[in-house]
Amino acid sequence: MARLEQLQKMLTTDPEDPFLNFALAMEYVKVGRPDDALNQFNRVIELDRKYVPAYFQKANLLVSLGRHDEAKSVFSEALTVAEQAGDKHAAAEIREALALLG
């Protein structure tokens, strides 16, 4: 069974699991399904507003799609969440990504 199907199956048992939802989003990125990935990252953020990697990866996907203004907005949200959580490493990475976008 392909990883995508495995993740979807696991989510039928635990649809509220942020990590499984994040893994599914990342798999959608990997298989070239950006719209599904964006929707899944949104699901992760809906489940856990403090899940910084979901914001970060969503913003990176938006950058890869050429949607820079949206990416800046998501990176800014990510920065706020990371700073509130005291995650200095993530905050530094997000600041760097924002600086690269200008």
Protein backbone atom coordinates (compact mmCIF):
# COMPACT_ATOMS: atom_id res chain seq x y z
CA MET A 1 0.00 0.00 0.00
CA ALA A 2 1.36 3.42 -0.93
CA ARG A 3 2.22 5.84 1.85
CA LEU A 4 -0.60 8.19 0.83
CA GLU A 5 -3.18 5.44 1.23
CA GLN A 6 -1.63 4.30 4.51
CA LEU A 7 -1.91 7.81 5.96
CA GLN A 8 -5.48 8.21 4.74
CA LYS A 9 -6.38 4.86 6.33
CA MET A 10 -4.76 5.81 9.64
CA LEU A 11 -6.69 9.09 9.64
CA THR A 12 -9.99 7.21 9.46
CA THR A 13 -9.13 5.86 12.91
CA ASP A 14 -7.84 9.16 14.32
CA PRO A 15 -8.96 12.09 12.12
CA GLU A 16 -8.07 14.70 14.75
CA ASP A 17 -4.38 13.75 15.01
CA PRO A 18 -2.35 16.81 13.97
CA PHE A 19 0.78 14.77 13.24
CA LEU A 20 -1.02 12.35 10.91
CA ASN A 21 -2.72 15.26 9.15
CA PHE A 22 0.67 16.97 8.79
CA ALA A 23 2.21 13.80 7.40
CA LEU A 24 -0.62 13.58 4.86
CA ALA A 25 -0.05 17.20 3.84
CA MET A 26 3.65 16.54 3.33
CA GLU A 27 2.84 13.44 1.27
CA TYR A 28 0.52 15.52 -0.92
CA VAL A 29 3.44 17.91 -1.50
CA LYS A 30 5.68 14.98 -2.37
CA VAL A 31 3.26 13.52 -4.94
CA GLY A 32 2.57 16.89 -6.57
CA ARG A 33 -0.89 17.64 -5.23
CA PRO A 34 -0.41 21.22 -3.96
CA ASP A 35 -4.11 22.10 -3.58
CA ASP A 36 -4.69 19.03 -1.44
CA ALA A 37 -1.54 19.83 0.52
CA LEU A 38 -2.68 23.40 1.22
CA ASN A 39 -6.07 22.16 2.38
CA GLN A 40 -4.39 19.60 4.62
CA PHE A 41 -2.01 22.17 6.13
CA ASN A 42 -5.08 24.29 6.88
CA ARG A 43 -6.63 21.26 8.59
CA VAL A 44 -3.53 20.84 10.76
CA ILE A 45 -3.62 24.51 11.76
CA GLU A 46 -7.34 24.20 12.52
CA LEU A 47 -6.61 21.23 14.80
CA ASP A 48 -3.60 22.82 16.50
CA ARG A 49 -2.99 26.56 16.12
CA LYS A 50 0.48 26.10 17.67
CA TYR A 51 1.76 23.57 15.11
CA VAL A 52 4.55 25.73 13.70
CA PRO A 53 5.79 23.23 11.09
CA ALA A 54 2.37 23.33 9.38
CA TYR A 55 2.61 27.09 8.92
CA PHE A 56 6.22 26.84 7.78
CA GLN A 57 5.62 24.11 5.22
CA LYS A 58 2.43 25.76 3.97
CA ALA A 59 4.35 28.99 3.40
CA ASN A 60 7.17 27.14 1.63
CA LEU A 61 4.62 25.49 -0.65
CA LEU A 62 3.08 28.87 -1.42
CA VAL A 63 6.53 30.21 -2.31
CA SER A 64 7.08 27.28 -4.66
CA LEU A 65 3.75 28.09 -6.31
CA GLY A 66 4.81 31.72 -6.81
CA ARG A 67 2.24 32.98 -4.30
CA HIS A 68 4.71 35.17 -2.41
CA ASP A 69 2.27 37.58 -0.75
CA GLU A 70 0.29 34.71 0.71
CA ALA A 71 3.52 33.04 1.79
CA LYS A 72 4.65 36.20 3.60
CA SER A 73 1.37 36.30 5.47
CA VAL A 74 1.66 32.66 6.53
CA PHE A 75 5.32 33.09 7.52
CA SER A 76 4.27 36.09 9.63
CA GLU A 77 1.63 33.98 11.38
CA ALA A 78 4.22 31.26 11.90
CA LEU A 79 6.64 33.73 13.42
CA THR A 80 4.03 34.93 15.90
CA VAL A 81 3.18 31.36 16.90
CA ALA A 82 6.85 30.36 17.21
CA GLU A 83 7.67 33.40 19.33
CA GLN A 84 4.67 32.79 21.60
CA ALA A 85 5.84 29.20 22.04
CA GLY A 86 9.39 30.33 22.80
CA ASP A 87 10.72 28.34 19.83
CA LYS A 88 13.77 30.46 19.03
CA HIS A 89 15.13 28.07 16.39
CA ALA A 90 11.89 28.04 14.39
CA ALA A 91 11.52 31.80 14.78
CA ALA A 92 15.02 32.33 13.38
CA GLU A 93 14.30 30.09 10.37
CA ILE A 94 11.04 31.91 9.71
CA ARG A 95 12.72 35.33 9.94
CA GLU A 96 15.30 34.13 7.42
CA ALA A 97 12.58 32.91 5.04
CA LEU A 98 10.76 36.24 5.36
CA ALA A 99 13.98 38.14 4.65
CA LEU A 100 14.56 36.08 1.49
CA LEU A 101 11.08 36.99 0.27
CA GLY A 102 11.83 40.66 0.82
